[in-house]
PDB file of N, CA and C in Angstrom:
ATOM      1  N   MET A   1      -4.657 -55.590  11.418  1.00  0.00           N
ATOM      2  CA  MET A   1      -4.576 -55.145   9.843  1.00  0.00           C
ATOM      3  C   MET A   1      -3.127 -54.842   9.139  1.00  0.00           C
ATOM      4  N   PRO A   2      -3.342 -55.147   8.074  1.00  0.00           N
ATOM      5  CA  PRO A   2      -1.887 -54.672   7.278  1.00  0.00           C
ATOM      6  C   PRO A   2      -2.215 -53.395   7.558  1.00  0.00           C
ATOM      7  N   LYS A   3      -0.186 -52.712   7.400  1.00  0.00           N
ATOM      8  CA  LYS A   3       0.033 -51.600   7.320  1.00  0.00           C
ATOM      9  C   LYS A   3      -1.133 -50.750   6.176  1.00  0.00           C
ATOM     10  N   THR A   4      -0.916 -51.519   4.899  1.00  0.00           N
ATOM     11  CA  THR A   4      -1.214 -50.794   3.601  1.00  0.00           C
ATOM     12  C   THR A   4      -2.457 -50.333   3.648  1.00  0.00           C
ATOM     13  N   SER A   5      -3.825 -51.446   4.023  1.00  0.00           N
ATOM     14  CA  SER A   5      -4.921 -51.299   4.498  1.00  0.00           C
ATOM     15  C   SER A   5      -5.359 -49.986   5.245  1.00  0.00           C
ATOM     16  N   TYR A   6      -5.007 -49.446   6.301  1.00  0.00           N
ATOM     17  CA  TYR A   6      -4.654 -49.012   7.369  1.00  0.00           C
ATOM     18  C   TYR A   6      -4.732 -47.535   6.830  1.00  0.00           C
ATOM     19  N   VAL A   7      -3.416 -47.478   5.658  1.00  0.00           N
ATOM     20  CA  VAL A   7      -3.310 -46.069   4.930  1.00  0.00           C
ATOM     21  C   VAL A   7      -4.568 -46.079   4.110  1.00  0.00           C
ATOM     22  N   ASP A   8      -5.079 -46.749   3.801  1.00  0.00           N
ATOM     23  CA  ASP A   8      -6.657 -46.776   2.688  1.00  0.00           C
ATOM     24  C   ASP A   8      -7.182 -46.046   2.827  1.00  0.00           C
ATOM     25  N   ILE A   9      -7.994 -46.711   4.105  1.00  0.00           N
ATOM     26  CA  ILE A   9      -9.015 -46.427   5.128  1.00  0.00           C
ATOM     27  C   ILE A   9      -8.887 -44.987   5.438  1.00  0.00           C
ATOM     28  N   LYS A  10      -7.967 -44.436   6.168  1.00  0.00           N
ATOM     29  CA  LYS A  10      -7.826 -42.778   6.302  1.00  0.00           C
ATOM     30  C   LYS A  10      -7.917 -42.310   5.248  1.00  0.00           C
ATOM     31  N   SER A  11      -7.394 -42.331   4.179  1.00  0.00           N
ATOM     32  CA  SER A  11      -7.437 -41.292   2.865  1.00  0.00           C
ATOM     33  C   SER A  11      -8.321 -41.275   2.903  1.00  0.00           C
ATOM     34  N   LYS A  12      -9.447 -42.297   2.337  1.00  0.00           N
ATOM     35  CA  LYS A  12     -10.754 -42.561   1.597  1.00  0.00           C
ATOM     36  C   LYS A  12     -11.198 -41.904   2.798  1.00  0.00           C
ATOM     37  N   LEU A  13     -11.417 -42.208   4.448  1.00  0.00           N
ATOM     38  CA  LEU A  13     -12.171 -41.516   5.149  1.00  0.00           C
ATOM     39  C   LEU A  13     -12.209 -40.098   5.363  1.00  0.00           C
ATOM     40  N   HIS A  14     -10.705 -39.491   4.733  1.00  0.00           N
ATOM     41  CA  HIS A  14     -10.363 -38.214   4.694  1.00  0.00           C
ATOM     42  C   HIS A  14     -11.088 -37.313   3.967  1.00  0.00           C
ATOM     43  N   SER A  15     -11.110 -38.356   2.817  1.00  0.00           N
ATOM     44  CA  SER A  15     -11.618 -37.356   1.383  1.00  0.00           C
ATOM     45  C   SER A  15     -13.415 -37.524   1.421  1.00  0.00           C
ATOM     46  N   ILE A  16     -13.809 -38.683   2.202  1.00  0.00           N
ATOM     47  CA  ILE A  16     -15.570 -38.352   2.519  1.00  0.00           C
ATOM     48  C   ILE A  16     -15.394 -37.130   3.572  1.00  0.00           C
ATOM     49  N   LEU A  17     -14.754 -36.736   4.325  1.00  0.00           N
ATOM     50  CA  LEU A  17     -14.592 -36.033   5.047  1.00  0.00           C
ATOM     51  C   LEU A  17     -14.635 -34.410   4.576  1.00  0.00           C
ATOM     52  N   ASP A  18     -13.671 -34.413   3.363  1.00  0.00           N
ATOM     53  CA  ASP A  18     -13.523 -33.438   3.057  1.00  0.00           C
ATOM     54  C   ASP A  18     -14.258 -32.950   1.858  1.00  0.00           C
ATOM     55  N   SER A  19     -14.936 -34.225   1.179  1.00  0.00           N
ATOM     56  CA  SER A  19     -15.974 -33.824   0.502  1.00  0.00           C
ATOM     57  C   SER A  19     -17.557 -33.100   0.578  1.00  0.00           C
ATOM     58  N   ILE A  20     -17.814 -33.966   2.501  1.00  0.00           N
ATOM     59  CA  ILE A  20     -18.966 -33.621   2.865  1.00  0.00           C
ATOM     60  C   ILE A  20     -19.226 -32.064   3.418  1.00  0.00           C
ATOM     61  N   ASN A  21     -17.630 -31.470   3.681  1.00  0.00           N
ATOM     62  CA  ASN A  21     -17.808 -30.659   4.360  1.00  0.00           C
ATOM     63  C   ASN A  21     -18.093 -29.681   3.573  1.00  0.00           C
ATOM     64  N   SER A  22     -17.798 -29.496   2.495  1.00  0.00           N
ATOM     65  CA  SER A  22     -18.132 -28.554   1.486  1.00  0.00           C
ATOM     66  C   SER A  22     -20.060 -28.233   0.901  1.00  0.00           C
ATOM     67  N   ILE A  23     -20.697 -29.287   1.235  1.00  0.00           N
ATOM     68  CA  ILE A  23     -21.683 -29.327   1.002  1.00  0.00           C
ATOM     69  C   ILE A  23     -23.031 -29.044   1.841  1.00  0.00           C
ATOM     70  N   PRO A  24     -23.632 -27.875   1.788  1.00  0.00           N
ATOM     71  CA  PRO A  24     -24.320 -27.014   2.691  1.00  0.00           C
ATOM     72  C   PRO A  24     -25.677 -28.040   3.230  1.00  0.00           C
ATOM     73  N   ASP A  25     -26.154 -28.468   1.933  1.00  0.00           N
ATOM     74  CA  ASP A  25     -27.390 -29.491   1.853  1.00  0.00           C
ATOM     75  C   ASP A  25     -27.128 -30.724   3.119  1.00  0.00           C
ATOM     76  N   TYR A  26     -27.807 -31.425   4.482  1.00  0.00           N
ATOM     77  CA  TYR A  26     -28.138 -32.126   4.846  1.00  0.00           C
ATOM     78  C   TYR A  26     -28.328 -33.228   4.083  1.00  0.00           C
ATOM     79  N   GLU A  27     -29.104 -33.550   3.334  1.00  0.00           N
ATOM     80  CA  GLU A  27     -29.468 -34.730   2.816  1.00  0.00           C
ATOM     81  C   GLU A  27     -28.621 -34.905   1.882  1.00  0.00           C
ATOM     82  N   ASP A  28     -27.945 -34.116   0.868  1.00  0.00           N
ATOM     83  CA  ASP A  28     -27.286 -34.278  -0.100  1.00  0.00           C
ATOM     84  C   ASP A  28     -25.672 -34.744   0.829  1.00  0.00           C
ATOM     85  N   LYS A  29     -25.445 -34.087   1.914  1.00  0.00           N
ATOM     86  CA  LYS A  29     -24.292 -34.804   2.878  1.00  0.00           C
ATOM     87  C   LYS A  29     -24.448 -35.949   3.142  1.00  0.00           C
ATOM     88  N   LYS A  30     -25.534 -36.365   3.662  1.00  0.00           N
ATOM     89  CA  LYS A  30     -26.156 -37.906   3.420  1.00  0.00           C
ATOM     90  C   LYS A  30     -25.665 -38.633   3.006  1.00  0.00           C
ATOM     91  N   ALA A  31     -26.151 -38.518   1.719  1.00  0.00           N
ATOM     92  CA  ALA A  31     -26.334 -39.032   0.122  1.00  0.00           C
ATOM     93  C   ALA A  31     -24.624 -39.628   0.021  1.00  0.00           C
ATOM     94  N   ALA A  32     -24.072 -38.127  -0.161  1.00  0.00           N
ATOM     95  CA  ALA A  32     -22.520 -38.361  -0.045  1.00  0.00           C
ATOM     96  C   ALA A  32     -21.901 -39.385   0.817  1.00  0.00           C
ATOM     97  N   THR A  33     -22.300 -39.224   1.778  1.00  0.00           N
ATOM     98  CA  THR A  33     -21.603 -40.077   2.895  1.00  0.00           C
ATOM     99  C   THR A  33     -21.986 -41.173   2.679  1.00  0.00           C
ATOM    100  N   ILE A  34     -22.896 -41.999   2.344  1.00  0.00           N
ATOM    101  CA  ILE A  34     -23.511 -43.241   1.745  1.00  0.00           C
ATOM    102  C   ILE A  34     -23.051 -43.741   1.084  1.00  0.00           C
ATOM    103  N   SER A  35     -22.730 -42.950  -0.103  1.00  0.00           N
ATOM    104  CA  SER A  35     -21.708 -43.135  -1.727  1.00  0.00           C
ATOM    105  C   SER A  35     -20.408 -43.644  -1.219  1.00  0.00           C
ATOM    106  N   GLY A  36     -19.612 -42.454   0.014  1.00  0.00           N
ATOM    107  CA  GLY A  36     -18.504 -42.908   0.112  1.00  0.00           C
ATOM    108  C   GLY A  36     -18.060 -44.454   0.770  1.00  0.00           C
ATOM    109  N   ILE A  37     -19.130 -44.487   2.062  1.00  0.00           N
ATOM    110  CA  ILE A  37     -18.742 -45.586   2.623  1.00  0.00           C
ATOM    111  C   ILE A  37     -18.899 -46.972   1.810  1.00  0.00           C
ATOM    112  N   ASN A  38     -20.076 -46.547   1.012  1.00  0.00           N
ATOM    113  CA  ASN A  38     -20.343 -48.135  -0.302  1.00  0.00           C
ATOM    114  C   ASN A  38     -19.277 -48.132  -0.962  1.00  0.00           C
ATOM    115  N   ASP A  39     -17.997 -47.123  -1.330  1.00  0.00           N
ATOM    116  CA  ASP A  39     -16.966 -47.383  -2.035  1.00  0.00           C
ATOM    117  C   ASP A  39     -15.870 -47.828  -1.059  1.00  0.00           C
ATOM    118  N   LEU A  40     -16.101 -47.802   0.181  1.00  0.00           N
ATOM    119  CA  LEU A  40     -14.832 -47.889   0.776  1.00  0.00           C
ATOM    120  C   LEU A  40     -14.268 -49.596   0.704  1.00  0.00           C
ATOM    121  N   ASN A  41     -13.181 -49.572   1.008  1.00  0.00           N
ATOM    122  CA  ASN A  41     -12.439 -51.136   0.803  1.00  0.00           C
ATOM    123  C   ASN A  41     -12.273 -51.966   2.647  1.00  0.00           C
ATOM    124  N   ILE A  42     -13.600 -51.913   3.021  1.00  0.00           N
ATOM    125  CA  ILE A  42     -13.314 -52.095   4.561  1.00  0.00           C
ATOM    126  C   ILE A  42     -14.217 -53.641   5.022  1.00  0.00           C
ATOM    127  N   ASN A  43     -13.865 -53.881   6.071  1.00  0.00           N
ATOM    128  CA  ASN A  43     -14.561 -54.899   6.275  1.00  0.00           C
ATOM    129  C   ASN A  43     -15.916 -55.190   5.955  1.00  0.00           C
ATOM    130  N   GLU A  44     -16.679 -55.897   5.578  1.00  0.00           N
ATOM    131  CA  GLU A  44     -18.068 -55.783   5.587  1.00  0.00           C
ATOM    132  C   GLU A  44     -18.878 -55.342   6.798  1.00  0.00           C
ATOM    133  N   ASP A  45     -18.294 -55.764   7.392  1.00  0.00           N
ATOM    134  CA  ASP A  45     -19.393 -55.663   9.204  1.00  0.00           C
ATOM    135  C   ASP A  45     -19.388 -54.033   9.752  1.00  0.00           C
ATOM    136  N   ASP A  46     -17.861 -53.808   9.211  1.00  0.00           N
ATOM    137  CA  ASP A  46     -17.985 -52.394   9.701  1.00  0.00           C
ATOM    138  C   ASP A  46     -18.695 -51.728   8.686  1.00  0.00           C
ATOM    139  N   LYS A  47     -18.668 -51.603   7.374  1.00  0.00           N
ATOM    140  CA  LYS A  47     -19.561 -50.955   6.428  1.00  0.00           C
ATOM    141  C   LYS A  47     -21.146 -50.921   6.817  1.00  0.00           C
ATOM    142  N   LYS A  48     -21.344 -51.883   7.369  1.00  0.00           N
ATOM    143  CA  LYS A  48     -22.917 -51.903   7.595  1.00  0.00           C
ATOM    144  C   LYS A  48     -22.985 -51.194   8.781  1.00  0.00           C
ATOM    145  N   ARG A  49     -22.252 -51.552   9.571  1.00  0.00           N
ATOM    146  CA  ARG A  49     -22.479 -50.678  10.787  1.00  0.00           C
ATOM    147  C   ARG A  49     -22.206 -49.136  10.883  1.00  0.00           C
ATOM    148  N   MET A  50     -21.782 -48.517  10.270  1.00  0.00           N
ATOM    149  CA  MET A  50     -21.428 -47.234   9.405  1.00  0.00           C
ATOM    150  C   MET A  50     -22.579 -47.055   8.751  1.00  0.00           C
ATOM    151  N   LEU A  51     -23.120 -47.734   7.862  1.00  0.00           N
ATOM    152  CA  LEU A  51     -24.276 -47.282   7.305  1.00  0.00           C
ATOM    153  C   LEU A  51     -25.524 -47.202   7.972  1.00  0.00           C
ATOM    154  N   MET A  52     -25.716 -48.176   8.776  1.00  0.00           N
ATOM    155  CA  MET A  52     -26.982 -48.127   9.706  1.00  0.00           C
ATOM    156  C   MET A  52     -26.738 -46.996  10.605  1.00  0.00           C
ATOM    157  N   ILE A  53     -25.740 -46.565  10.889  1.00  0.00           N
ATOM    158  CA  ILE A  53     -25.668 -45.178  12.264  1.00  0.00           C
ATOM    159  C   ILE A  53     -25.913 -44.479  11.050  1.00  0.00           C
ATOM    160  N   VAL A  54     -25.255 -43.819   9.950  1.00  0.00           N
ATOM    161  CA  VAL A  54     -25.357 -43.127   9.490  1.00  0.00           C
ATOM    162  C   VAL A  54     -27.117 -42.585   8.877  1.00  0.00           C
ATOM    163  N   ARG A  55     -27.563 -43.640   8.243  1.00  0.00           N
ATOM    164  CA  ARG A  55     -28.909 -43.800   7.938  1.00  0.00           C
ATOM    165  C   ARG A  55     -29.584 -43.005   9.125  1.00  0.00           C
ATOM    166  N   TYR A  56     -29.798 -43.759  10.311  1.00  0.00           N
ATOM    167  CA  TYR A  56     -30.822 -43.827  11.523  1.00  0.00           C
ATOM    168  C   TYR A  56     -30.502 -43.370  12.601  1.00  0.00           C
ATOM    169  N   GLN A  57     -29.110 -42.742  12.596  1.00  0.00           N
ATOM    170  CA  GLN A  57     -29.022 -42.289  13.956  1.00  0.00           C
ATOM    171  C   GLN A  57     -28.035 -40.754  14.123  1.00  0.00           C
ATOM    172  N   CYS A  58     -27.840 -40.343  12.552  1.00  0.00           N
ATOM    173  CA  CYS A  58     -27.239 -39.162  12.159  1.00  0.00           C
ATOM    174  C   CYS A  58     -28.507 -38.316  12.024  1.00  0.00           C
ATOM    175  N   PRO A  59     -29.147 -37.499  12.691  1.00  0.00           N
ATOM    176  CA  PRO A  59     -30.695 -36.697  12.400  1.00  0.00           C
ATOM    177  C   PRO A  59     -30.141 -35.182  11.929  1.00  0.00           C
ATOM    178  N   ASN A  60     -28.687 -34.843  11.594  1.00  0.00           N
ATOM    179  CA  ASN A  60     -28.481 -33.879  11.520  1.00  0.00           C
ATOM    180  C   ASN A  60     -27.046 -33.612  10.976  1.00  0.00           C
ATOM    181  N   SER A  61     -26.928 -32.196  10.404  1.00  0.00           N
ATOM    182  CA  SER A  61     -25.001 -32.460   9.899  1.00  0.00           C
ATOM    183  C   SER A  61     -24.371 -32.506  11.125  1.00  0.00           C
ATOM    184  N   PHE A  62     -24.410 -31.707  11.941  1.00  0.00           N
ATOM    185  CA  PHE A  62     -23.653 -31.967  13.252  1.00  0.00           C
ATOM    186  C   PHE A  62     -23.142 -33.309  13.900  1.00  0.00           C
ATOM    187  N   LYS A  63     -24.144 -34.102  13.937  1.00  0.00           N
ATOM    188  CA  LYS A  63     -24.234 -35.642  14.267  1.00  0.00           C
ATOM    189  C   LYS A  63     -23.565 -36.256  13.243  1.00  0.00           C
ATOM    190  N   LEU A  64     -23.593 -36.436  11.995  1.00  0.00           N
ATOM    191  CA  LEU A  64     -23.012 -36.890  10.748  1.00  0.00           C
ATOM    192  C   LEU A  64     -21.628 -36.303  11.163  1.00  0.00           C
ATOM    193  N   THR A  65     -21.021 -35.267  10.905  1.00  0.00           N
ATOM    194  CA  THR A  65     -20.084 -35.107  11.308  1.00  0.00           C
ATOM    195  C   THR A  65     -19.427 -35.220  11.727  1.00  0.00           C
ATOM    196  N   THR A  66     -20.018 -35.166  13.146  1.00  0.00           N
ATOM    197  CA  THR A  66     -19.268 -36.059  14.663  1.00  0.00           C
ATOM    198  C   THR A  66     -19.097 -37.456  14.524  1.00  0.00           C
ATOM    199  N   TYR A  67     -20.153 -37.983  13.875  1.00  0.00           N
ATOM    200  CA  TYR A  67     -19.554 -39.647  13.885  1.00  0.00           C
ATOM    201  C   TYR A  67     -18.837 -39.853  13.080  1.00  0.00           C
ATOM    202  N   LEU A  68     -18.696 -39.285  11.694  1.00  0.00           N
ATOM    203  CA  LEU A  68     -17.844 -39.882  10.874  1.00  0.00           C
ATOM    204  C   LEU A  68     -16.154 -39.259  11.519  1.00  0.00           C
ATOM    205  N   TYR A  69     -15.789 -38.082  11.947  1.00  0.00           N
ATOM    206  CA  TYR A  69     -14.409 -37.528  12.705  1.00  0.00           C
ATOM    207  C   TYR A  69     -13.988 -38.767  13.704  1.00  0.00           C
ATOM    208  N   ASN A  70     -15.280 -39.619  14.522  1.00  0.00           N
ATOM    209  CA  ASN A  70     -14.870 -40.559  15.321  1.00  0.00           C
ATOM    210  C   ASN A  70     -14.562 -42.082  14.818  1.00  0.00           C
ATOM    211  N   VAL A  71     -15.348 -42.248  13.649  1.00  0.00           N
ATOM    212  CA  VAL A  71     -14.759 -43.639  13.102  1.00  0.00           C
ATOM    213  C   VAL A  71     -13.561 -43.328  12.519  1.00  0.00           C
ATOM    214  N   MET A  72     -12.830 -41.897  11.689  1.00  0.00           N
ATOM    215  CA  MET A  72     -11.840 -41.579  11.281  1.00  0.00           C
ATOM    216  C   MET A  72     -10.529 -42.156  12.718  1.00  0.00           C
ATOM    217  N   LEU A  73     -10.988 -41.806  13.547  1.00  0.00           N
ATOM    218  CA  LEU A  73     -10.180 -41.502  14.970  1.00  0.00           C
ATOM    219  C   LEU A  73     -10.178 -42.976  15.277  1.00  0.00           C
ATOM    220  N   LYS A  74     -11.400 -43.687  14.993  1.00  0.00           N
ATOM    221  CA  LYS A  74     -11.221 -45.519  15.699  1.00  0.00           C
ATOM    222  C   LYS A  74     -10.551 -45.896  14.664  1.00  0.00           C
ATOM    223  N   PHE A  75     -10.024 -46.024  12.963  1.00  0.00           N
ATOM    224  CA  PHE A  75      -9.261 -46.553  12.441  1.00  0.00           C
ATOM    225  C   PHE A  75      -7.822 -46.013  12.425  1.00  0.00           C
ATOM    226  N   GLU A  76      -7.521 -45.092  12.696  1.00  0.00           N
ATOM    227  CA  GLU A  76      -6.488 -44.379  13.216  1.00  0.00           C
ATOM    228  C   GLU A  76      -5.865 -45.146  14.526  1.00  0.00           C
ATOM    229  N   GLY A  77      -6.899 -45.654  15.141  1.00  0.00           N
ATOM    230  CA  GLY A  77      -5.984 -46.185  16.649  1.00  0.00           C
ATOM    231  C   GLY A  77      -6.109 -45.254  17.876  1.00  0.00           C
ATOM    232  N   LEU A  78      -7.027 -44.269  17.924  1.00  0.00           N
ATOM    233  CA  LEU A  78      -6.847 -42.901  18.651  1.00  0.00           C
ATOM    234  C   LEU A  78      -8.373 -43.177  19.332  1.00  0.00           C
ATOM    235  N   GLY A  79      -8.863 -43.471  19.220  1.00  0.00           N
ATOM    236  CA  GLY A  79     -10.509 -43.331  19.528  1.00  0.00           C
ATOM    237  C   GLY A  79     -11.555 -45.029  19.306  1.00  0.00           C
ATOM    238  N   VAL A  80     -12.549 -45.068  19.502  1.00  0.00           N
ATOM    239  CA  VAL A  80     -13.250 -46.080  19.736  1.00  0.00           C
ATOM    240  C   VAL A  80     -15.326 -45.304  19.090  1.00  0.00           C
ATOM    241  N   VAL A  81     -15.655 -46.095  18.869  1.00  0.00           N
ATOM    242  CA  VAL A  81     -17.120 -45.840  18.396  1.00  0.00           C
ATOM    243  C   VAL A  81     -18.279 -46.889  18.400  1.00  0.00           C
TER     244      VAL A  81
END
């Protein structure tokens, strides 16, 4: 993965997390997350997998936020999802 793509992914994931942390309603958080993921310029398979998990495996704000932080760590090379 080229270094410039790595930096772009990191900054975009940070911006998604920053924006959803200020939203109190879960449904609005989920909608903002899906919109943010759709705007990411990443591998389409990764994007589809992220969207499926957000839509179907994150039933509350805690799970959604936890998943997004884990994804961010994955793209930074510090964890796996």
